[in-house]
PDB file of N, CA and C in Angstrom:
ATOM      1  N   MET A   1      89.571  -4.738 -77.475  1.00  0.00           N
ATOM      2  CA  MET A   1      88.549  -4.880 -76.493  1.00  0.00           C
ATOM      3  C   MET A   1      87.949  -6.261 -76.579  1.00  0.00           C
ATOM      4  N   SER A   2      87.638  -6.836 -75.449  1.00  0.00           N
ATOM      5  CA  SER A   2      87.082  -8.188 -75.421  1.00  0.00           C
ATOM      6  C   SER A   2      85.619  -8.155 -75.828  1.00  0.00           C
ATOM      7  N   GLU A   3      85.117  -9.342 -76.161  1.00  0.00           N
ATOM      8  CA  GLU A   3      83.721  -9.498 -76.567  1.00  0.00           C
ATOM      9  C   GLU A   3      82.783  -9.111 -75.428  1.00  0.00           C
ATOM     10  N   ARG A   4      83.155  -9.452 -74.196  1.00  0.00           N
ATOM     11  CA  ARG A   4      82.307  -9.166 -73.034  1.00  0.00           C
ATOM     12  C   ARG A   4      82.231  -7.663 -72.769  1.00  0.00           C
ATOM     13  N   ALA A   5      83.317  -6.960 -72.913  1.00  0.00           N
ATOM     14  CA  ALA A   5      83.341  -5.519 -72.666  1.00  0.00           C
ATOM     15  C   ALA A   5      82.444  -4.794 -73.658  1.00  0.00           C
ATOM     16  N   ARG A   6      82.372  -5.304 -74.891  1.00  0.00           N
ATOM     17  CA  ARG A   6      81.516  -4.670 -75.893  1.00  0.00           C
ATOM     18  C   ARG A   6      80.049  -4.895 -75.584  1.00  0.00           C
ATOM     19  N   LYS A   7      79.681  -5.970 -74.895  1.00  0.00           N
ATOM     20  CA  LYS A   7      78.298  -6.282 -74.603  1.00  0.00           C
ATOM     21  C   LYS A   7      77.755  -5.501 -73.406  1.00  0.00           C
ATOM     22  N   LEU A   8      78.607  -4.999 -72.503  1.00  0.00           N
ATOM     23  CA  LEU A   8      78.147  -4.252 -71.333  1.00  0.00           C
ATOM     24  C   LEU A   8      77.508  -2.933 -71.765  1.00  0.00           C
ATOM     25  N   SER A   9      76.395  -2.641 -71.147  1.00  0.00           N
ATOM     26  CA  SER A   9      75.674  -1.412 -71.448  1.00  0.00           C
ATOM     27  C   SER A   9      76.260  -0.256 -70.645  1.00  0.00           C
ATOM     28  N   PRO A  10      76.323   0.924 -71.211  1.00  0.00           N
ATOM     29  CA  PRO A  10      76.827   2.087 -70.470  1.00  0.00           C
ATOM     30  C   PRO A  10      75.785   2.657 -69.494  1.00  0.00           C
ATOM     31  N   LEU A  11      74.571   2.110 -69.510  1.00  0.00           N
ATOM     32  CA  LEU A  11      73.495   2.634 -68.664  1.00  0.00           C
ATOM     33  C   LEU A  11      73.832   2.608 -67.175  1.00  0.00           C
ATOM     34  N   PRO A  12      74.352   1.493 -66.610  1.00  0.00           N
ATOM     35  CA  PRO A  12      74.673   1.514 -65.174  1.00  0.00           C
ATOM     36  C   PRO A  12      75.718   2.573 -64.821  1.00  0.00           C
ATOM     37  N   LEU A  13      76.692   2.773 -65.685  1.00  0.00           N
ATOM     38  CA  LEU A  13      77.707   3.801 -65.432  1.00  0.00           C
ATOM     39  C   LEU A  13      77.107   5.198 -65.479  1.00  0.00           C
ATOM     40  N   LEU A  14      76.210   5.429 -66.417  1.00  0.00           N
ATOM     41  CA  LEU A  14      75.568   6.740 -66.493  1.00  0.00           C
ATOM     42  C   LEU A  14      74.691   7.007 -65.265  1.00  0.00           C
ATOM     43  N   LEU A  15      73.957   5.972 -64.813  1.00  0.00           N
ATOM     44  CA  LEU A  15      73.131   6.124 -63.622  1.00  0.00           C
ATOM     45  C   LEU A  15      73.983   6.409 -62.388  1.00  0.00           C
ATOM     46  N   ALA A  16      75.079   5.721 -62.246  1.00  0.00           N
ATOM     47  CA  ALA A  16      75.963   5.937 -61.101  1.00  0.00           C
ATOM     48  C   ALA A  16      76.537   7.354 -61.122  1.00  0.00           C
ATOM     49  N   ALA A  17      76.945   7.824 -62.282  1.00  0.00           N
ATOM     50  CA  ALA A  17      77.488   9.179 -62.404  1.00  0.00           C
ATOM     51  C   ALA A  17      76.417  10.220 -62.080  1.00  0.00           C
ATOM     52  N   ALA A  18      75.185  10.003 -62.519  1.00  0.00           N
ATOM     53  CA  ALA A  18      74.098  10.943 -62.242  1.00  0.00           C
ATOM     54  C   ALA A  18      73.784  10.994 -60.745  1.00  0.00           C
ATOM     55  N   MET A  19      73.793   9.834 -60.076  1.00  0.00           N
ATOM     56  CA  MET A  19      73.525   9.796 -58.637  1.00  0.00           C
ATOM     57  C   MET A  19      74.618  10.514 -57.851  1.00  0.00           C
ATOM     58  N   LEU A  20      75.859  10.338 -58.242  1.00  0.00           N
ATOM     59  CA  LEU A  20      76.958  11.026 -57.566  1.00  0.00           C
ATOM     60  C   LEU A  20      76.855  12.547 -57.751  1.00  0.00           C
ATOM     61  N   ALA A  21      76.512  12.961 -58.953  1.00  0.00           N
ATOM     62  CA  ALA A  21      76.382  14.393 -59.220  1.00  0.00           C
ATOM     63  C   ALA A  21      75.230  14.988 -58.417  1.00  0.00           C
ATOM     64  N   ALA A  22      74.111  14.271 -58.316  1.00  0.00           N
ATOM     65  CA  ALA A  22      72.961  14.755 -57.553  1.00  0.00           C
ATOM     66  C   ALA A  22      73.298  14.847 -56.072  1.00  0.00           C
ATOM     67  N   ALA A  23      74.017  13.882 -55.538  1.00  0.00           N
ATOM     68  CA  ALA A  23      74.376  13.895 -54.126  1.00  0.00           C
ATOM     69  C   ALA A  23      75.329  15.046 -53.813  1.00  0.00           C
ATOM     70  N   ALA A  24      76.197  15.361 -54.733  1.00  0.00           N
ATOM     71  CA  ALA A  24      77.160  16.432 -54.501  1.00  0.00           C
ATOM     72  C   ALA A  24      76.511  17.808 -54.515  1.00  0.00           C
ATOM     73  N   THR A  25      75.430  17.969 -55.271  1.00  0.00           N
ATOM     74  CA  THR A  25      74.788  19.276 -55.374  1.00  0.00           C
ATOM     75  C   THR A  25      73.551  19.402 -54.500  1.00  0.00           C
ATOM     76  N   ALA A  26      73.131  18.354 -53.814  1.00  0.00           N
ATOM     77  CA  ALA A  26      71.922  18.404 -52.975  1.00  0.00           C
ATOM     78  C   ALA A  26      72.182  19.271 -51.750  1.00  0.00           C
ATOM     79  N   PRO A  27      71.194  20.088 -51.350  1.00  0.00           N
ATOM     80  CA  PRO A  27      71.382  20.903 -50.150  1.00  0.00           C
ATOM     81  C   PRO A  27      71.386  20.029 -48.905  1.00  0.00           C
ATOM     82  N   ALA A  28      72.088  20.505 -47.884  1.00  0.00           N
ATOM     83  CA  ALA A  28      72.135  19.750 -46.633  1.00  0.00           C
ATOM     84  C   ALA A  28      70.773  19.776 -45.973  1.00  0.00           C
ATOM     85  N   GLN A  29      70.462  18.739 -45.222  1.00  0.00           N
ATOM     86  CA  GLN A  29      69.195  18.685 -44.506  1.00  0.00           C
ATOM     87  C   GLN A  29      69.223  19.694 -43.371  1.00  0.00           C
ATOM     88  N   PRO A  30      68.068  20.321 -43.063  1.00  0.00           N
ATOM     89  CA  PRO A  30      68.030  21.270 -41.955  1.00  0.00           C
ATOM     90  C   PRO A  30      68.472  20.605 -40.660  1.00  0.00           C
ATOM     91  N   GLY A  31      69.251  21.332 -39.885  1.00  0.00           N
ATOM     92  CA  GLY A  31      69.710  20.803 -38.616  1.00  0.00           C
ATOM     93  C   GLY A  31      70.986  19.996 -38.720  1.00  0.00           C
ATOM     94  N   LEU A  32      71.458  19.752 -39.936  1.00  0.00           N
ATOM     95  CA  LEU A  32      72.670  18.967 -40.117  1.00  0.00           C
ATOM     96  C   LEU A  32      73.782  19.818 -40.710  1.00  0.00           C
ATOM     97  N   GLY A  33      73.852  21.067 -40.290  1.00  0.00           N
ATOM     98  CA  GLY A  33      74.872  21.965 -40.815  1.00  0.00           C
ATOM     99  C   GLY A  33      76.245  21.639 -40.250  1.00  0.00           C
ATOM    100  N   ASP A  34      77.195  22.419 -40.615  1.00  0.00           N
ATOM    101  CA  ASP A  34      78.568  22.254 -40.176  1.00  0.00           C
ATOM    102  C   ASP A  34      78.658  22.564 -38.681  1.00  0.00           C
ATOM    103  N   PRO A  35      79.000  21.593 -37.842  1.00  0.00           N
ATOM    104  CA  PRO A  35      79.044  21.851 -36.403  1.00  0.00           C
ATOM    105  C   PRO A  35      80.174  22.783 -35.989  1.00  0.00           C
ATOM    106  N   THR A  36      81.140  23.035 -36.876  1.00  0.00           N
ATOM    107  CA  THR A  36      82.240  23.936 -36.540  1.00  0.00           C
ATOM    108  C   THR A  36      81.968  25.368 -36.977  1.00  0.00           C
ATOM    109  N   ARG A  37      80.844  25.591 -37.678  1.00  0.00           N
ATOM    110  CA  ARG A  37      80.518  26.936 -38.147  1.00  0.00           C
ATOM    111  C   ARG A  37      80.012  27.777 -36.971  1.00  0.00           C
ATOM    112  N   PRO A  38      80.544  28.996 -36.785  1.00  0.00           N
ATOM    113  CA  PRO A  38      80.079  29.848 -35.685  1.00  0.00           C
ATOM    114  C   PRO A  38      78.587  30.159 -35.834  1.00  0.00           C
ATOM    115  N   THR A  39      77.867  30.164 -34.721  1.00  0.00           N
ATOM    116  CA  THR A  39      76.425  30.393 -34.779  1.00  0.00           C
ATOM    117  C   THR A  39      76.079  31.797 -35.238  1.00  0.00           C
ATOM    118  N   SER A  40      76.944  32.768 -35.027  1.00  0.00           N
ATOM    119  CA  SER A  40      76.635  34.135 -35.426  1.00  0.00           C
ATOM    120  C   SER A  40      76.492  34.258 -36.936  1.00  0.00           C
ATOM    121  N   LEU A  41      77.086  33.346 -37.698  1.00  0.00           N
ATOM    122  CA  LEU A  41      76.960  33.404 -39.144  1.00  0.00           C
ATOM    123  C   LEU A  41      75.587  32.939 -39.596  1.00  0.00           C
ATOM    124  N   ASP A  42      74.892  32.179 -38.751  1.00  0.00           N
ATOM    125  CA  ASP A  42      73.561  31.698 -39.093  1.00  0.00           C
ATOM    126  C   ASP A  42      72.480  32.750 -38.860  1.00  0.00           C
ATOM    127  N   GLU A  43      72.760  33.767 -38.037  1.00  0.00           N
ATOM    128  CA  GLU A  43      71.772  34.784 -37.724  1.00  0.00           C
ATOM    129  C   GLU A  43      71.769  35.855 -38.808  1.00  0.00           C
ATOM    130  N   PRO A  44      70.583  36.282 -39.235  1.00  0.00           N
ATOM    131  CA  PRO A  44      70.544  37.350 -40.234  1.00  0.00           C
ATOM    132  C   PRO A  44      70.990  38.674 -39.622  1.00  0.00           C
ATOM    133  N   ALA A  45      71.449  39.567 -40.460  1.00  0.00           N
ATOM    134  CA  ALA A  45      71.827  40.900 -40.004  1.00  0.00           C
ATOM    135  C   ALA A  45      70.592  41.603 -39.451  1.00  0.00           C
ATOM    136  N   PRO A  46      70.753  42.571 -38.530  1.00  0.00           N
ATOM    137  CA  PRO A  46      69.590  43.219 -37.930  1.00  0.00           C
ATOM    138  C   PRO A  46      68.595  43.786 -38.939  1.00  0.00           C
ATOM    139  N   GLU A  47      69.077  44.340 -40.023  1.00  0.00           N
ATOM    140  CA  GLU A  47      68.155  44.907 -41.011  1.00  0.00           C
ATOM    141  C   GLU A  47      67.420  43.836 -41.805  1.00  0.00           C
ATOM    142  N   GLN A  48      67.885  42.584 -41.745  1.00  0.00           N
ATOM    143  CA  GLN A  48      67.240  41.494 -42.468  1.00  0.00           C
ATOM    144  C   GLN A  48      66.293  40.695 -41.587  1.00  0.00           C
ATOM    145  N   ARG A  49      66.330  40.934 -40.260  1.00  0.00           N
ATOM    146  CA  ARG A  49      65.455  40.189 -39.362  1.00  0.00           C
ATOM    147  C   ARG A  49      64.016  40.663 -39.535  1.00  0.00           C
ATOM    148  N   PRO A  50      63.074  39.732 -39.508  1.00  0.00           N
ATOM    149  CA  PRO A  50      61.672  40.159 -39.588  1.00  0.00           C
ATOM    150  C   PRO A  50      61.276  40.883 -38.313  1.00  0.00           C
ATOM    151  N   ARG A  51      60.408  41.883 -38.456  1.00  0.00           N
ATOM    152  CA  ARG A  51      59.925  42.622 -37.287  1.00  0.00           C
ATOM    153  C   ARG A  51      59.083  41.702 -36.429  1.00  0.00           C
ATOM    154  N   GLN A  52      59.257  41.827 -35.137  1.00  0.00           N
ATOM    155  CA  GLN A  52      58.485  41.013 -34.215  1.00  0.00           C
ATOM    156  C   GLN A  52      57.071  41.553 -34.122  1.00  0.00           C
ATOM    157  N   ALA A  53      56.121  40.632 -34.077  1.00  0.00           N
ATOM    158  CA  ALA A  53      54.739  41.029 -33.894  1.00  0.00           C
ATOM    159  C   ALA A  53      54.522  41.349 -32.426  1.00  0.00           C
ATOM    160  N   GLY A  54      53.594  42.244 -32.157  1.00  0.00           N
ATOM    161  CA  GLY A  54      53.282  42.586 -30.774  1.00  0.00           C
ATOM    162  C   GLY A  54      54.035  43.818 -30.326  1.00  0.00           C
ATOM    163  N   PRO A  55      53.826  44.193 -29.074  1.00  0.00           N
ATOM    164  CA  PRO A  55      54.444  45.427 -28.579  1.00  0.00           C
ATOM    165  C   PRO A  55      55.956  45.304 -28.459  1.00  0.00           C
ATOM    166  N   ARG A  56      56.623  46.416 -28.683  1.00  0.00           N
ATOM    167  CA  ARG A  56      58.075  46.458 -28.601  1.00  0.00           C
ATOM    168  C   ARG A  56      58.537  46.557 -27.152  1.00  0.00           C
ATOM    169  N   TRP A  57      57.716  47.218 -26.311  1.00  0.00           N
ATOM    170  CA  TRP A  57      58.038  47.382 -24.899  1.00  0.00           C
ATOM    171  C   TRP A  57      56.933  46.756 -24.070  1.00  0.00           C
ATOM    172  N   ARG A  58      57.325  46.023 -23.052  1.00  0.00           N
ATOM    173  CA  ARG A  58      56.343  45.403 -22.157  1.00  0.00           C
ATOM    174  C   ARG A  58      56.641  45.880 -20.748  1.00  0.00           C
ATOM    175  N   LEU A  59      55.680  46.576 -20.172  1.00  0.00           N
ATOM    176  CA  LEU A  59      55.811  47.091 -18.816  1.00  0.00           C
ATOM    177  C   LEU A  59      55.362  46.017 -17.843  1.00  0.00           C
ATOM    178  N   GLN A  60      56.302  45.566 -16.992  1.00  0.00           N
ATOM    179  CA  GLN A  60      55.965  44.520 -16.037  1.00  0.00           C
ATOM    180  C   GLN A  60      55.538  45.093 -14.686  1.00  0.00           C
ATOM    181  N   SER A  61      56.183  46.184 -14.237  1.00  0.00           N
ATOM    182  CA  SER A  61      55.805  46.766 -12.956  1.00  0.00           C
ATOM    183  C   SER A  61      56.365  48.175 -12.825  1.00  0.00           C
ATOM    184  N   THR A  62      55.815  48.905 -11.848  1.00  0.00           N
ATOM    185  CA  THR A  62      56.316  50.238 -11.526  1.00  0.00           C
ATOM    186  C   THR A  62      56.498  50.339 -10.019  1.00  0.00           C
ATOM    187  N   LEU A  63      57.415  51.180  -9.611  1.00  0.00           N
ATOM    188  CA  LEU A  63      57.636  51.485  -8.203  1.00  0.00           C
ATOM    189  C   LEU A  63      57.657  52.998  -8.084  1.00  0.00           C
ATOM    190  N   VAL A  64      56.694  53.544  -7.349  1.00  0.00           N
ATOM    191  CA  VAL A  64      56.625  54.988  -7.157  1.00  0.00           C
ATOM    192  C   VAL A  64      56.754  55.249  -5.663  1.00  0.00           C
ATOM    193  N   ALA A  65      57.833  55.911  -5.267  1.00  0.00           N
ATOM    194  CA  ALA A  65      58.093  56.261  -3.863  1.00  0.00           C
ATOM    195  C   ALA A  65      58.498  57.727  -3.815  1.00  0.00           C
ATOM    196  N   ASP A  66      58.625  58.245  -2.606  1.00  0.00           N
ATOM    197  CA  ASP A  66      58.999  59.652  -2.452  1.00  0.00           C
ATOM    198  C   ASP A  66      60.339  59.970  -3.107  1.00  0.00           C
ATOM    199  N   SER A  67      61.282  59.052  -2.957  1.00  0.00           N
ATOM    200  CA  SER A  67      62.636  59.338  -3.424  1.00  0.00           C
ATOM    201  C   SER A  67      62.975  58.778  -4.801  1.00  0.00           C
ATOM    202  N   ARG A  68      62.146  57.921  -5.347  1.00  0.00           N
ATOM    203  CA  ARG A  68      62.492  57.345  -6.651  1.00  0.00           C
ATOM    204  C   ARG A  68      61.251  56.828  -7.383  1.00  0.00           C
ATOM    205  N   ARG A  69      61.397  56.753  -8.692  1.00  0.00           N
ATOM    206  CA  ARG A  69      60.352  56.214  -9.571  1.00  0.00           C
ATOM    207  C   ARG A  69      61.045  55.288 -10.551  1.00  0.00           C
ATOM    208  N   LEU A  70      60.691  54.010 -10.471  1.00  0.00           N
ATOM    209  CA  LEU A  70      61.323  53.000 -11.316  1.00  0.00           C
ATOM    210  C   LEU A  70      60.261  52.206 -12.051  1.00  0.00           C
ATOM    211  N   ALA A  71      60.668  51.635 -13.193  1.00  0.00           N
ATOM    212  CA  ALA A  71      59.784  50.760 -13.963  1.00  0.00           C
ATOM    213  C   ALA A  71      60.598  49.566 -14.437  1.00  0.00           C
ATOM    214  N   VAL A  72      59.923  48.440 -14.549  1.00  0.00           N
ATOM    215  CA  VAL A  72      60.551  47.254 -15.141  1.00  0.00           C
ATOM    216  C   VAL A  72      59.925  47.077 -16.516  1.00  0.00           C
ATOM    217  N   ILE A  73      60.737  47.323 -17.548  1.00  0.00           N
ATOM    218  CA  ILE A  73      60.291  47.230 -18.939  1.00  0.00           C
ATOM    219  C   ILE A  73      61.179  46.205 -19.637  1.00  0.00           C
ATOM    220  N   ASN A  74      60.557  45.246 -20.297  1.00  0.00           N
ATOM    221  CA  ASN A  74      61.289  44.181 -21.001  1.00  0.00           C
ATOM    222  C   ASN A  74      62.298  43.494 -20.077  1.00  0.00           C
ATOM    223  N   GLY A  75      61.937  43.364 -18.792  1.00  0.00           N
ATOM    224  CA  GLY A  75      62.793  42.668 -17.844  1.00  0.00           C
ATOM    225  C   GLY A  75      63.934  43.499 -17.295  1.00  0.00           C
ATOM    226  N   ARG A  76      63.996  44.792 -17.629  1.00  0.00           N
ATOM    227  CA  ARG A  76      65.089  45.653 -17.181  1.00  0.00           C
ATOM    228  C   ARG A  76      64.537  46.799 -16.343  1.00  0.00           C
ATOM    229  N   THR A  77      65.178  47.100 -15.218  1.00  0.00           N
ATOM    230  CA  THR A  77      64.750  48.198 -14.357  1.00  0.00           C
ATOM    231  C   THR A  77      65.331  49.502 -14.886  1.00  0.00           C
ATOM    232  N   VAL A  78      64.445  50.499 -15.097  1.00  0.00           N
ATOM    233  CA  VAL A  78      64.860  51.804 -15.617  1.00  0.00           C
ATOM    234  C   VAL A  78      64.216  52.904 -14.793  1.00  0.00           C
ATOM    235  N   ALA A  79      64.871  54.056 -14.787  1.00  0.00           N
ATOM    236  CA  ALA A  79      64.360  55.236 -14.091  1.00  0.00           C
ATOM    237  C   ALA A  79      64.007  56.301 -15.124  1.00  0.00           C
ATOM    238  N   GLU A  80      63.314  57.348 -14.666  1.00  0.00           N
ATOM    239  CA  GLU A  80      62.969  58.452 -15.564  1.00  0.00           C
ATOM    240  C   GLU A  80      64.248  59.037 -16.154  1.00  0.00           C
ATOM    241  N   GLY A  81      64.218  59.316 -17.455  1.00  0.00           N
ATOM    242  CA  GLY A  81      65.372  59.873 -18.151  1.00  0.00           C
ATOM    243  C   GLY A  81      66.270  58.831 -18.797  1.00  0.00           C
ATOM    244  N   GLU A  82      66.148  57.586 -18.392  1.00  0.00           N
ATOM    245  CA  GLU A  82      66.983  56.535 -18.987  1.00  0.00           C
ATOM    246  C   GLU A  82      66.385  56.056 -20.304  1.00  0.00           C
ATOM    247  N   ARG A  83      67.234  55.388 -21.103  1.00  0.00           N
ATOM    248  CA  ARG A  83      66.805  54.857 -22.401  1.00  0.00           C
ATOM    249  C   ARG A  83      66.696  53.346 -22.331  1.00  0.00           C
ATOM    250  N   ILE A  84      65.711  52.826 -23.072  1.00  0.00           N
ATOM    251  CA  ILE A  84      65.549  51.372 -23.191  1.00  0.00           C
ATOM    252  C   ILE A  84      65.025  51.049 -24.584  1.00  0.00           C
ATOM    253  N   ASP A  85      65.752  50.216 -25.299  1.00  0.00           N
ATOM    254  CA  ASP A  85      65.354  49.735 -26.627  1.00  0.00           C
ATOM    255  C   ASP A  85      64.873  50.862 -27.535  1.00  0.00           C
ATOM    256  N   GLY A  86      65.652  51.945 -27.612  1.00  0.00           N
ATOM    257  CA  GLY A  86      65.351  53.044 -28.531  1.00  0.00           C
ATOM    258  C   GLY A  86      64.369  54.076 -28.013  1.00  0.00           C
ATOM    259  N   ALA A  87      63.931  53.956 -26.765  1.00  0.00           N
ATOM    260  CA  ALA A  87      62.963  54.906 -26.198  1.00  0.00           C
ATOM    261  C   ALA A  87      63.547  55.533 -24.940  1.00  0.00           C
ATOM    262  N   THR A  88      63.097  56.768 -24.630  1.00  0.00           N
ATOM    263  CA  THR A  88      63.484  57.446 -23.406  1.00  0.00           C
ATOM    264  C   THR A  88      62.309  57.415 -22.442  1.00  0.00           C
ATOM    265  N   VAL A  89      62.574  57.026 -21.198  1.00  0.00           N
ATOM    266  CA  VAL A  89      61.526  56.995 -20.172  1.00  0.00           C
ATOM    267  C   VAL A  89      61.293  58.432 -19.711  1.00  0.00           C
ATOM    268  N   ARG A  90      60.096  58.972 -19.967  1.00  0.00           N
ATOM    269  CA  ARG A  90      59.774  60.350 -19.607  1.00  0.00           C
ATOM    270  C   ARG A  90      59.073  60.457 -18.255  1.00  0.00           C
ATOM    271  N   GLU A  91      58.175  59.518 -17.953  1.00  0.00           N
ATOM    272  CA  GLU A  91      57.443  59.577 -16.685  1.00  0.00           C
ATOM    273  C   GLU A  91      57.109  58.168 -16.217  1.00  0.00           C
ATOM    274  N   VAL A  92      57.311  57.944 -14.920  1.00  0.00           N
ATOM    275  CA  VAL A  92      56.908  56.685 -14.289  1.00  0.00           C
ATOM    276  C   VAL A  92      55.853  57.035 -13.249  1.00  0.00           C
ATOM    277  N   ARG A  93      54.702  56.408 -13.329  1.00  0.00           N
ATOM    278  CA  ARG A  93      53.621  56.632 -12.364  1.00  0.00           C
ATOM    279  C   ARG A  93      53.057  55.282 -11.957  1.00  0.00           C
ATOM    280  N   GLN A  94      52.224  55.288 -10.961  1.00  0.00           N
ATOM    281  CA  GLN A  94      51.648  54.038 -10.469  1.00  0.00           C
ATOM    282  C   GLN A  94      50.899  53.330 -11.597  1.00  0.00           C
ATOM    283  N   GLY A  95      51.394  52.172 -12.019  1.00  0.00           N
ATOM    284  CA  GLY A  95      50.726  51.358 -13.033  1.00  0.00           C
ATOM    285  C   GLY A  95      50.935  51.798 -14.469  1.00  0.00           C
ATOM    286  N   GLY A  96      51.791  52.800 -14.724  1.00  0.00           N
ATOM    287  CA  GLY A  96      51.983  53.245 -16.102  1.00  0.00           C
ATOM    288  C   GLY A  96      53.286  53.989 -16.324  1.00  0.00           C
ATOM    289  N   VAL A  97      53.674  54.091 -17.587  1.00  0.00           N
ATOM    290  CA  VAL A  97      54.910  54.763 -17.975  1.00  0.00           C
ATOM    291  C   VAL A  97      54.665  55.500 -19.286  1.00  0.00           C
ATOM    292  N   THR A  98      55.297  56.670 -19.420  1.00  0.00           N
ATOM    293  CA  THR A  98      55.290  57.394 -20.689  1.00  0.00           C
ATOM    294  C   THR A  98      56.691  57.325 -21.272  1.00  0.00           C
ATOM    295  N   LEU A  99      56.781  56.840 -22.512  1.00  0.00           N
ATOM    296  CA  LEU A  99      58.048  56.783 -23.240  1.00  0.00           C
ATOM    297  C   LEU A  99      58.025  57.827 -24.348  1.00  0.00           C
ATOM    298  N   GLU A 100      59.192  58.264 -24.769  1.00  0.00           N
ATOM    299  CA  GLU A 100      59.301  59.120 -25.944  1.00  0.00           C
ATOM    300  C   GLU A 100      60.164  58.395 -26.966  1.00  0.00           C
ATOM    301  N   VAL A 101      59.600  58.240 -28.174  1.00  0.00           N
ATOM    302  CA  VAL A 101      60.283  57.522 -29.246  1.00  0.00           C
ATOM    303  C   VAL A 101      60.211  58.371 -30.498  1.00  0.00           C
ATOM    304  N   GLU A 102      61.371  58.801 -30.994  1.00  0.00           N
ATOM    305  CA  GLU A 102      61.445  59.587 -32.231  1.00  0.00           C
ATOM    306  C   GLU A 102      60.451  60.743 -32.225  1.00  0.00           C
ATOM    307  N   GLY A 103      60.386  61.465 -31.090  1.00  0.00           N
ATOM    308  CA  GLY A 103      59.527  62.643 -31.000  1.00  0.00           C
ATOM    309  C   GLY A 103      58.067  62.374 -30.685  1.00  0.00           C
ATOM    310  N   ARG A 104      57.665  61.146 -30.553  1.00  0.00           N
ATOM    311  CA  ARG A 104      56.264  60.862 -30.209  1.00  0.00           C
ATOM    312  C   ARG A 104      56.203  60.139 -28.871  1.00  0.00           C
ATOM    313  N   ARG A 105      55.069  60.274 -28.211  1.00  0.00           N
ATOM    314  CA  ARG A 105      54.881  59.672 -26.889  1.00  0.00           C
ATOM    315  C   ARG A 105      54.172  58.328 -27.005  1.00  0.00           C
ATOM    316  N   VAL A 106      54.635  57.382 -26.196  1.00  0.00           N
ATOM    317  CA  VAL A 106      54.037  56.044 -26.143  1.00  0.00           C
ATOM    318  C   VAL A 106      53.678  55.780 -24.686  1.00  0.00           C
ATOM    319  N   GLU A 107      52.421  55.422 -24.446  1.00  0.00           N
ATOM    320  CA  GLU A 107      51.942  55.131 -23.097  1.00  0.00           C
ATOM    321  C   GLU A 107      51.937  53.615 -22.883  1.00  0.00           C
ATOM    322  N   LEU A 108      52.521  53.188 -21.774  1.00  0.00           N
ATOM    323  CA  LEU A 108      52.506  51.773 -21.388  1.00  0.00           C
ATOM    324  C   LEU A 108      51.738  51.643 -20.080  1.00  0.00           C
ATOM    325  N   ARG A 109      51.013  50.553 -19.942  1.00  0.00           N
ATOM    326  CA  ARG A 109      50.297  50.256 -18.697  1.00  0.00           C
ATOM    327  C   ARG A 109      50.620  48.844 -18.257  1.00  0.00           C
ATOM    328  N   VAL A 110      50.637  48.644 -16.963  1.00  0.00           N
ATOM    329  CA  VAL A 110      50.829  47.301 -16.419  1.00  0.00           C
ATOM    330  C   VAL A 110      49.546  46.533 -16.645  1.00  0.00           C
ATOM    331  N   LEU A 111      49.651  45.378 -17.241  1.00  0.00           N
ATOM    332  CA  LEU A 111      48.482  44.526 -17.436  1.00  0.00           C
ATOM    333  C   LEU A 111      48.257  43.727 -16.164  1.00  0.00           C
ATOM    334  N   ARG A 112      47.100  43.871 -15.608  1.00  0.00           N
ATOM    335  CA  ARG A 112      46.769  43.163 -14.372  1.00  0.00           C
ATOM    336  C   ARG A 112      46.295  41.758 -14.707  1.00  0.00           C
ATOM    337  N   GLU A 113      46.904  40.786 -14.081  1.00  0.00           N
ATOM    338  CA  GLU A 113      46.470  39.407 -14.257  1.00  0.00           C
ATOM    339  C   GLU A 113      45.531  39.068 -13.116  1.00  0.00           C
ATOM    340  N   THR A 114      44.529  38.295 -13.422  1.00  0.00           N
ATOM    341  CA  THR A 114      43.593  37.880 -12.392  1.00  0.00           C
ATOM    342  C   THR A 114      44.245  36.798 -11.549  1.00  0.00           C
ATOM    343  N   LEU A 115      44.287  37.035 -10.246  1.00  0.00           N
ATOM    344  CA  LEU A 115      44.875  36.070  -9.340  1.00  0.00           C
ATOM    345  C   LEU A 115      43.809  35.549  -8.402  1.00  0.00           C
ATOM    346  N   ASP A 116      43.863  34.288  -8.126  1.00  0.00           N
ATOM    347  CA  ASP A 116      42.945  33.692  -7.169  1.00  0.00           C
ATOM    348  C   ASP A 116      43.658  33.683  -5.817  1.00  0.00           C
ATOM    349  N   VAL A 117      43.288  34.607  -4.947  1.00  0.00           N
ATOM    350  CA  VAL A 117      43.937  34.758  -3.659  1.00  0.00           C
ATOM    351  C   VAL A 117      43.010  34.259  -2.576  1.00  0.00           C
ATOM    352  N   LYS A 118      43.505  33.362  -1.770  1.00  0.00           N
ATOM    353  CA  LYS A 118      42.715  32.852  -0.635  1.00  0.00           C
ATOM    354  C   LYS A 118      43.198  33.544   0.620  1.00  0.00           C
ATOM    355  N   ARG A 119      42.258  34.113   1.354  1.00  0.00           N
ATOM    356  CA  ARG A 119      42.608  34.749   2.620  1.00  0.00           C
ATOM    357  C   ARG A 119      42.363  33.753   3.744  1.00  0.00           C
ATOM    358  N   THR A 120      43.326  33.669   4.622  1.00  0.00           N
ATOM    359  CA  THR A 120      43.189  32.781   5.765  1.00  0.00           C
ATOM    360  C   THR A 120      43.351  33.577   7.043  1.00  0.00           C
ATOM    361  N   GLY A 121      42.763  33.097   8.075  1.00  0.00           N
ATOM    362  CA  GLY A 121      42.897  33.770   9.366  1.00  0.00           C
ATOM    363  C   GLY A 121      42.118  35.068   9.400  1.00  0.00           C
ATOM    364  N   GLY A 122      42.268  35.837  10.428  1.00  0.00           N
ATOM    365  CA  GLY A 122      41.503  37.071  10.445  1.00  0.00           C
ATOM    366  C   GLY A 122      42.011  37.994  11.370  1.00  0.00           C
TER     367      GLY A 122
END
């Protein structure tokens, strides 16, 4: 071994090796995942998903006529006797719906929003 090789400190080599090891084991930054990985693998299984806060069913509107009774719940139109998101629609009435879920009844009402309506003409 040459005189110069004996004088070099092993410290720079150790630092370089430590930096490489740290980079190899560091977690990826959020948002920089594998672009070829299917998105379904990123979603947790249904039993692992956190429960959503707030009501499970949202009644948007009802239609009560002589020949039919319909409700729009969670953006979907349903009739009496149909199922939606684990519940059975038992009754549709003006401004409200009765659901049955696991043997218990759940009452939904349409929430009225205040609208500023201008009347013109007469």
